[in-house]
Amino acid sequence: MTLKVYAASLRPIAVADVSTQDVLRVLQPIWRTKPETASRLRGRIEAAVDSARVAGHIDDRAPNPARWGGHLEMLLPKPEKLSRGHHAAMPYKDVPAFSEEITLGRRPERPRPQTGDFDGRAERRGLERQMALKS
């Protein structure tokens, strides 16, 4: 969706003809206001150009106009860090009770913290099983 919305101006241009200026024209309007979106968009444009190169649509020696290292990093300011800040941490004294709730399969009374221990792997495996049953 990001490519369709923000990079629509690149669609009429042949992939071999996309220039650094074309990429900058897409990125600059959102680079400071939506840094995460702009960074992901740049990566997707870079991947699309690399994919076209592998498919033989672009000369192997032609540089990728969306490459960050040694290229766009010289033309655009360093992306801002996440501006909304970190999630609030769970008080340390509440962790044992929370862990027990999770272990026993109960729904926690508070939203889950973003920690390495509870990263949603079990949920993804459950979704994968459901998808396998449907096919």
N, C-alpha and C. Protein backbone atom coordinates (compact mmCIF):
# COMPACT_ATOMS: atom_id res chain seq x y z
N MET A 1 0.82 -1.19 0.00
CA MET A 1 0.00 0.00 0.00
C MET A 1 0.87 1.26 0.00
N THR A 2 1.98 1.23 0.73
CA THR A 2 2.84 2.41 0.81
C THR A 2 3.33 2.82 -0.57
N LEU A 3 3.71 1.83 -1.38
CA LEU A 3 4.17 2.14 -2.74
C LEU A 3 3.05 2.76 -3.57
N LYS A 4 1.85 2.21 -3.44
CA LYS A 4 0.73 2.73 -4.23
C LYS A 4 0.37 4.16 -3.85
N VAL A 5 0.42 4.45 -2.55
CA VAL A 5 0.00 5.76 -2.07
C VAL A 5 1.09 6.81 -2.28
N TYR A 6 2.30 6.53 -1.78
CA TYR A 6 3.34 7.55 -1.77
C TYR A 6 4.23 7.55 -3.01
N ALA A 7 4.33 6.44 -3.69
CA ALA A 7 5.22 6.37 -4.86
C ALA A 7 4.44 6.28 -6.16
N ALA A 8 3.22 6.75 -6.17
CA ALA A 8 2.39 6.68 -7.38
C ALA A 8 3.04 7.42 -8.55
N SER A 9 3.81 8.46 -8.27
CA SER A 9 4.44 9.22 -9.35
C SER A 9 5.54 8.41 -10.06
N LEU A 10 6.00 7.33 -9.45
CA LEU A 10 7.02 6.49 -10.09
C LEU A 10 6.42 5.47 -11.04
N ARG A 11 5.14 5.20 -10.91
CA ARG A 11 4.52 4.13 -11.70
C ARG A 11 4.65 4.32 -13.22
N PRO A 12 4.48 5.53 -13.75
CA PRO A 12 4.60 5.66 -15.21
C PRO A 12 6.04 5.59 -15.73
N ILE A 13 7.02 5.61 -14.84
CA ILE A 13 8.42 5.61 -15.26
C ILE A 13 8.91 4.16 -15.35
N ALA A 14 9.59 3.84 -16.44
CA ALA A 14 10.18 2.51 -16.57
C ALA A 14 11.20 2.32 -15.44
N VAL A 15 11.24 1.14 -14.87
CA VAL A 15 12.09 0.91 -13.70
C VAL A 15 13.55 1.21 -14.00
N ALA A 16 14.00 0.96 -15.19
CA ALA A 16 15.39 1.25 -15.56
C ALA A 16 15.65 2.75 -15.65
N ASP A 17 14.59 3.54 -15.77
CA ASP A 17 14.73 5.00 -15.91
C ASP A 17 14.50 5.76 -14.62
N VAL A 18 14.19 5.07 -13.52
CA VAL A 18 13.97 5.75 -12.25
C VAL A 18 15.31 6.33 -11.77
N SER A 19 15.31 7.62 -11.49
CA SER A 19 16.54 8.30 -11.10
C SER A 19 16.52 8.64 -9.61
N THR A 20 17.66 9.06 -9.12
CA THR A 20 17.76 9.51 -7.74
C THR A 20 16.82 10.68 -7.50
N GLN A 21 16.71 11.57 -8.45
CA GLN A 21 15.81 12.73 -8.31
C GLN A 21 14.36 12.28 -8.21
N ASP A 22 13.98 11.24 -8.96
CA ASP A 22 12.61 10.71 -8.86
C ASP A 22 12.35 10.16 -7.46
N VAL A 23 13.32 9.43 -6.93
CA VAL A 23 13.18 8.86 -5.59
C VAL A 23 13.10 9.97 -4.55
N LEU A 24 13.95 10.98 -4.68
CA LEU A 24 13.92 12.11 -3.75
C LEU A 24 12.59 12.85 -3.80
N ARG A 25 12.04 12.99 -5.00
CA ARG A 25 10.75 13.67 -5.16
C ARG A 25 9.64 12.94 -4.40
N VAL A 26 9.76 11.63 -4.29
CA VAL A 26 8.78 10.83 -3.55
C VAL A 26 9.02 10.90 -2.04
N LEU A 27 10.28 10.84 -1.64
CA LEU A 27 10.62 10.75 -0.22
C LEU A 27 10.60 12.09 0.53
N GLN A 28 11.06 13.15 -0.09
CA GLN A 28 11.22 14.42 0.62
C GLN A 28 9.96 14.95 1.29
N PRO A 29 8.78 14.84 0.66
CA PRO A 29 7.59 15.39 1.34
C PRO A 29 7.26 14.71 2.67
N ILE A 30 7.66 13.46 2.85
CA ILE A 30 7.30 12.75 4.09
C ILE A 30 8.50 12.41 4.96
N TRP A 31 9.71 12.76 4.53
CA TRP A 31 10.93 12.34 5.22
C TRP A 31 10.96 12.80 6.68
N ARG A 32 10.58 14.03 6.95
CA ARG A 32 10.61 14.56 8.32
C ARG A 32 9.30 14.35 9.07
N THR A 33 8.18 14.36 8.35
CA THR A 33 6.89 14.25 9.03
C THR A 33 6.50 12.81 9.33
N LYS A 34 6.91 11.88 8.48
CA LYS A 34 6.59 10.46 8.66
C LYS A 34 7.86 9.64 8.43
N PRO A 35 8.82 9.76 9.34
CA PRO A 35 10.12 9.14 9.10
C PRO A 35 10.08 7.62 8.96
N GLU A 36 9.26 6.95 9.74
CA GLU A 36 9.19 5.49 9.65
C GLU A 36 8.60 5.07 8.31
N THR A 37 7.53 5.73 7.88
CA THR A 37 6.91 5.44 6.59
C THR A 37 7.88 5.72 5.46
N ALA A 38 8.57 6.84 5.54
CA ALA A 38 9.52 7.22 4.48
C ALA A 38 10.66 6.21 4.39
N SER A 39 11.16 5.77 5.53
CA SER A 39 12.25 4.81 5.54
C SER A 39 11.81 3.47 4.94
N ARG A 40 10.63 3.03 5.31
CA ARG A 40 10.11 1.78 4.74
C ARG A 40 9.84 1.92 3.25
N LEU A 41 9.33 3.06 2.85
CA LEU A 41 9.07 3.31 1.43
C LEU A 41 10.38 3.26 0.64
N ARG A 42 11.42 3.91 1.16
CA ARG A 42 12.71 3.88 0.50
C ARG A 42 13.21 2.44 0.35
N GLY A 43 13.06 1.66 1.40
CA GLY A 43 13.46 0.26 1.33
C GLY A 43 12.68 -0.54 0.31
N ARG A 44 11.40 -0.25 0.20
CA ARG A 44 10.56 -0.98 -0.77
C ARG A 44 10.92 -0.58 -2.20
N ILE A 45 11.21 0.69 -2.42
CA ILE A 45 11.63 1.12 -3.75
C ILE A 45 12.97 0.45 -4.09
N GLU A 46 13.88 0.43 -3.13
CA GLU A 46 15.18 -0.22 -3.34
C GLU A 46 14.98 -1.69 -3.69
N ALA A 47 14.11 -2.37 -2.97
CA ALA A 47 13.86 -3.79 -3.24
C ALA A 47 13.24 -4.01 -4.62
N ALA A 48 12.34 -3.12 -5.02
CA ALA A 48 11.71 -3.25 -6.34
C ALA A 48 12.74 -3.08 -7.45
N VAL A 49 13.63 -2.12 -7.29
CA VAL A 49 14.69 -1.91 -8.29
C VAL A 49 15.63 -3.11 -8.31
N ASP A 50 16.01 -3.61 -7.14
CA ASP A 50 16.88 -4.79 -7.09
C ASP A 50 16.21 -6.00 -7.73
N SER A 51 14.93 -6.15 -7.50
CA SER A 51 14.18 -7.26 -8.09
C SER A 51 14.18 -7.15 -9.62
N ALA A 52 13.99 -5.94 -10.12
CA ALA A 52 14.01 -5.72 -11.57
C ALA A 52 15.41 -6.02 -12.13
N ARG A 53 16.43 -5.71 -11.36
CA ARG A 53 17.81 -5.98 -11.80
C ARG A 53 18.02 -7.49 -11.93
N VAL A 54 17.58 -8.24 -10.93
CA VAL A 54 17.73 -9.70 -10.95
C VAL A 54 16.95 -10.30 -12.11
N ALA A 55 15.81 -9.71 -12.43
CA ALA A 55 15.00 -10.22 -13.54
C ALA A 55 15.55 -9.82 -14.90
N GLY A 56 16.60 -9.00 -14.91
CA GLY A 56 17.22 -8.63 -16.18
C GLY A 56 16.67 -7.37 -16.82
N HIS A 57 15.86 -6.60 -16.11
CA HIS A 57 15.28 -5.39 -16.67
C HIS A 57 16.19 -4.17 -16.54
N ILE A 58 17.24 -4.30 -15.71
CA ILE A 58 18.17 -3.20 -15.46
C ILE A 58 19.58 -3.76 -15.58
N ASP A 59 20.48 -2.96 -16.12
CA ASP A 59 21.88 -3.34 -16.23
C ASP A 59 22.45 -3.60 -14.84
N ASP A 60 23.21 -4.69 -14.70
CA ASP A 60 23.80 -5.06 -13.41
C ASP A 60 24.71 -3.98 -12.84
N ARG A 61 25.29 -3.17 -13.68
CA ARG A 61 26.23 -2.15 -13.23
C ARG A 61 25.54 -0.84 -12.84
N ALA A 62 24.27 -0.70 -13.15
CA ALA A 62 23.55 0.55 -12.83
C ALA A 62 23.30 0.62 -11.32
N PRO A 63 23.60 1.77 -10.70
CA PRO A 63 23.37 1.89 -9.26
C PRO A 63 21.88 1.95 -8.93
N ASN A 64 21.54 1.53 -7.74
CA ASN A 64 20.14 1.59 -7.29
C ASN A 64 19.88 3.01 -6.79
N PRO A 65 18.95 3.73 -7.39
CA PRO A 65 18.70 5.12 -6.99
C PRO A 65 18.08 5.26 -5.60
N ALA A 66 17.61 4.16 -5.00
CA ALA A 66 17.01 4.22 -3.67
C ALA A 66 17.95 3.67 -2.60
N ARG A 67 19.17 3.34 -2.97
CA ARG A 67 20.14 2.81 -2.00
C ARG A 67 20.44 3.86 -0.94
N TRP A 68 20.47 3.46 0.33
CA TRP A 68 20.74 4.39 1.42
C TRP A 68 22.25 4.59 1.60
N GLY A 69 22.97 3.50 1.83
CA GLY A 69 24.40 3.58 2.15
C GLY A 69 25.22 4.19 1.03
N GLY A 70 25.89 5.29 1.33
CA GLY A 70 26.75 5.95 0.36
C GLY A 70 26.01 6.64 -0.76
N HIS A 71 24.70 6.78 -0.63
CA HIS A 71 23.94 7.42 -1.71
C HIS A 71 22.92 8.39 -1.12
N LEU A 72 21.71 7.91 -0.82
CA LEU A 72 20.68 8.81 -0.29
C LEU A 72 21.04 9.37 1.09
N GLU A 73 21.88 8.65 1.84
CA GLU A 73 22.28 9.18 3.15
C GLU A 73 23.07 10.48 3.01
N MET A 74 23.62 10.72 1.82
CA MET A 74 24.35 11.96 1.56
C MET A 74 23.41 13.10 1.16
N LEU A 75 22.19 12.75 0.79
CA LEU A 75 21.25 13.75 0.28
C LEU A 75 20.10 14.05 1.22
N LEU A 76 19.79 13.12 2.10
CA LEU A 76 18.67 13.30 3.04
C LEU A 76 19.20 13.36 4.46
N PRO A 77 18.51 14.11 5.34
CA PRO A 77 18.95 14.11 6.74
C PRO A 77 18.73 12.73 7.36
N LYS A 78 19.51 12.45 8.40
CA LYS A 78 19.37 11.18 9.11
C LYS A 78 17.94 11.06 9.61
N PRO A 79 17.30 9.89 9.42
CA PRO A 79 15.91 9.74 9.88
C PRO A 79 15.80 9.97 11.38
N GLU A 80 14.71 10.60 11.78
CA GLU A 80 14.44 10.87 13.19
C GLU A 80 14.13 9.55 13.89
N LYS A 81 14.41 9.51 15.17
CA LYS A 81 14.02 8.36 15.98
C LYS A 81 12.52 8.42 16.20
N LEU A 82 11.96 7.32 16.64
CA LEU A 82 10.54 7.24 16.90
C LEU A 82 10.14 8.37 17.84
N SER A 83 9.21 9.19 17.45
CA SER A 83 8.90 10.40 18.21
C SER A 83 7.87 10.18 19.31
N ARG A 84 7.15 9.08 19.28
CA ARG A 84 6.10 8.91 20.28
C ARG A 84 6.64 8.35 21.60
N GLY A 85 7.89 7.94 21.64
CA GLY A 85 8.50 7.46 22.87
C GLY A 85 8.26 5.98 23.09
N HIS A 86 8.72 5.52 24.25
CA HIS A 86 8.61 4.11 24.59
C HIS A 86 7.27 3.83 25.28
N HIS A 87 6.89 2.56 25.26
CA HIS A 87 5.73 2.13 26.03
C HIS A 87 6.10 2.15 27.51
N ALA A 88 5.11 2.39 28.33
CA ALA A 88 5.36 2.38 29.77
C ALA A 88 5.73 0.97 30.20
N ALA A 89 6.68 0.88 31.11
CA ALA A 89 7.13 -0.42 31.61
C ALA A 89 6.19 -0.92 32.69
N MET A 90 6.08 -2.24 32.79
CA MET A 90 5.30 -2.84 33.86
C MET A 90 6.11 -2.74 35.15
N PRO A 91 5.47 -2.38 36.25
CA PRO A 91 6.21 -2.35 37.52
C PRO A 91 6.77 -3.75 37.81
N TYR A 92 8.00 -3.78 38.27
CA TYR A 92 8.70 -5.04 38.50
C TYR A 92 7.92 -5.96 39.43
N LYS A 93 7.28 -5.41 40.44
CA LYS A 93 6.56 -6.25 41.41
C LYS A 93 5.34 -6.93 40.78
N ASP A 94 4.85 -6.45 39.63
CA ASP A 94 3.69 -7.05 38.97
C ASP A 94 4.06 -8.18 38.00
N VAL A 95 5.34 -8.33 37.70
CA VAL A 95 5.77 -9.31 36.70
C VAL A 95 5.44 -10.75 37.09
N PRO A 96 5.68 -11.20 38.33
CA PRO A 96 5.35 -12.60 38.65
C PRO A 96 3.87 -12.93 38.46
N ALA A 97 2.99 -12.05 38.89
CA ALA A 97 1.55 -12.31 38.72
C ALA A 97 1.18 -12.33 37.24
N PHE A 98 1.76 -11.43 36.49
CA PHE A 98 1.50 -11.38 35.06
C PHE A 98 1.97 -12.67 34.38
N SER A 99 3.19 -13.11 34.73
CA SER A 99 3.72 -14.34 34.16
C SER A 99 2.84 -15.54 34.49
N GLU A 100 2.33 -15.58 35.71
CA GLU A 100 1.45 -16.69 36.10
C GLU A 100 0.16 -16.66 35.29
N GLU A 101 -0.41 -15.49 35.09
CA GLU A 101 -1.62 -15.38 34.27
C GLU A 101 -1.38 -15.90 32.87
N ILE A 102 -0.26 -15.54 32.30
CA ILE A 102 0.08 -15.99 30.95
C ILE A 102 0.26 -17.51 30.94
N THR A 103 1.00 -18.04 31.90
CA THR A 103 1.27 -19.47 31.97
C THR A 103 -0.02 -20.27 32.11
N LEU A 104 -0.96 -19.78 32.89
CA LEU A 104 -2.22 -20.48 33.11
C LEU A 104 -3.24 -20.24 32.00
N GLY A 105 -2.87 -19.42 31.03
CA GLY A 105 -3.75 -19.18 29.89
C GLY A 105 -4.85 -18.18 30.15
N ARG A 106 -4.75 -17.43 31.22
CA ARG A 106 -5.76 -16.41 31.49
C ARG A 106 -5.43 -15.15 30.73
N ARG A 107 -6.44 -14.40 30.46
CA ARG A 107 -6.23 -13.10 29.81
C ARG A 107 -5.73 -12.12 30.86
N PRO A 108 -4.58 -11.49 30.62
CA PRO A 108 -4.05 -10.54 31.60
C PRO A 108 -4.99 -9.35 31.79
N GLU A 109 -4.93 -8.78 32.97
CA GLU A 109 -5.77 -7.64 33.27
C GLU A 109 -5.29 -6.37 32.59
N ARG A 110 -4.05 -6.35 32.18
CA ARG A 110 -3.49 -5.17 31.52
C ARG A 110 -2.93 -5.60 30.16
N PRO A 111 -2.70 -4.65 29.27
CA PRO A 111 -2.12 -5.01 27.98
C PRO A 111 -0.76 -5.66 28.16
N ARG A 112 -0.41 -6.57 27.26
CA ARG A 112 0.87 -7.26 27.35
C ARG A 112 2.01 -6.29 27.11
N PRO A 113 3.09 -6.45 27.86
CA PRO A 113 4.26 -5.61 27.62
C PRO A 113 4.98 -6.07 26.36
N GLN A 114 5.74 -5.18 25.79
CA GLN A 114 6.53 -5.52 24.62
C GLN A 114 7.89 -6.01 25.09
N THR A 115 7.97 -7.28 25.44
CA THR A 115 9.24 -7.86 25.90
C THR A 115 9.60 -9.04 25.03
N GLY A 116 10.84 -9.46 25.13
CA GLY A 116 11.29 -10.61 24.34
C GLY A 116 10.65 -11.90 24.78
N ASP A 117 10.18 -11.99 26.04
CA ASP A 117 9.61 -13.24 26.53
C ASP A 117 8.22 -13.51 25.99
N PHE A 118 7.47 -12.47 25.72
CA PHE A 118 6.09 -12.62 25.27
C PHE A 118 5.96 -11.96 23.90
N ASP A 119 6.53 -12.57 22.87
CA ASP A 119 6.60 -11.90 21.58
C ASP A 119 5.54 -12.36 20.59
N GLY A 120 4.57 -13.15 21.02
CA GLY A 120 3.49 -13.53 20.11
C GLY A 120 3.78 -14.75 19.26
N ARG A 121 4.87 -15.46 19.52
CA ARG A 121 5.17 -16.63 18.69
C ARG A 121 4.07 -17.67 18.77
N ALA A 122 3.52 -17.88 19.97
CA ALA A 122 2.46 -18.87 20.12
C ALA A 122 1.23 -18.46 19.32
N GLU A 123 0.93 -17.17 19.31
CA GLU A 123 -0.22 -16.70 18.53
C GLU A 123 -0.01 -16.96 17.05
N ARG A 124 1.21 -16.70 16.55
CA ARG A 124 1.48 -16.94 15.13
C ARG A 124 1.36 -18.42 14.80
N ARG A 125 1.87 -19.28 15.70
CA ARG A 125 1.76 -20.72 15.44
C ARG A 125 0.31 -21.14 15.39
N GLY A 126 -0.51 -20.56 16.27
CA GLY A 126 -1.94 -20.87 16.25
C GLY A 126 -2.58 -20.45 14.94
N LEU A 127 -2.21 -19.26 14.45
CA LEU A 127 -2.75 -18.79 13.17
C LEU A 127 -2.29 -19.68 12.03
N GLU A 128 -1.02 -20.11 12.08
CA GLU A 128 -0.51 -20.99 11.05
C GLU A 128 -1.28 -22.31 11.02
N ARG A 129 -1.59 -22.85 12.21
CA ARG A 129 -2.37 -24.09 12.28
C ARG A 129 -3.76 -23.89 11.70
N GLN A 130 -4.40 -22.78 12.03
CA GLN A 130 -5.73 -22.48 11.50
C GLN A 130 -5.69 -22.39 9.99
N MET A 131 -4.67 -21.73 9.44
CA MET A 131 -4.55 -21.58 7.99
C MET A 131 -4.33 -22.94 7.33
N ALA A 132 -3.54 -23.81 7.98
CA ALA A 132 -3.27 -25.13 7.42
C ALA A 132 -4.56 -25.97 7.39
N LEU A 133 -5.41 -25.80 8.40
CA LEU A 133 -6.66 -26.55 8.45
C LEU A 133 -7.62 -26.11 7.35
N LYS A 134 -7.57 -24.83 6.99
CA LYS A 134 -8.48 -24.31 5.96
C LYS A 134 -8.08 -24.75 4.56
N SER A 135 -6.78 -25.02 4.36
CA SER A 135 -6.34 -25.38 3.01
C SER A 135 -6.41 -26.86 2.76
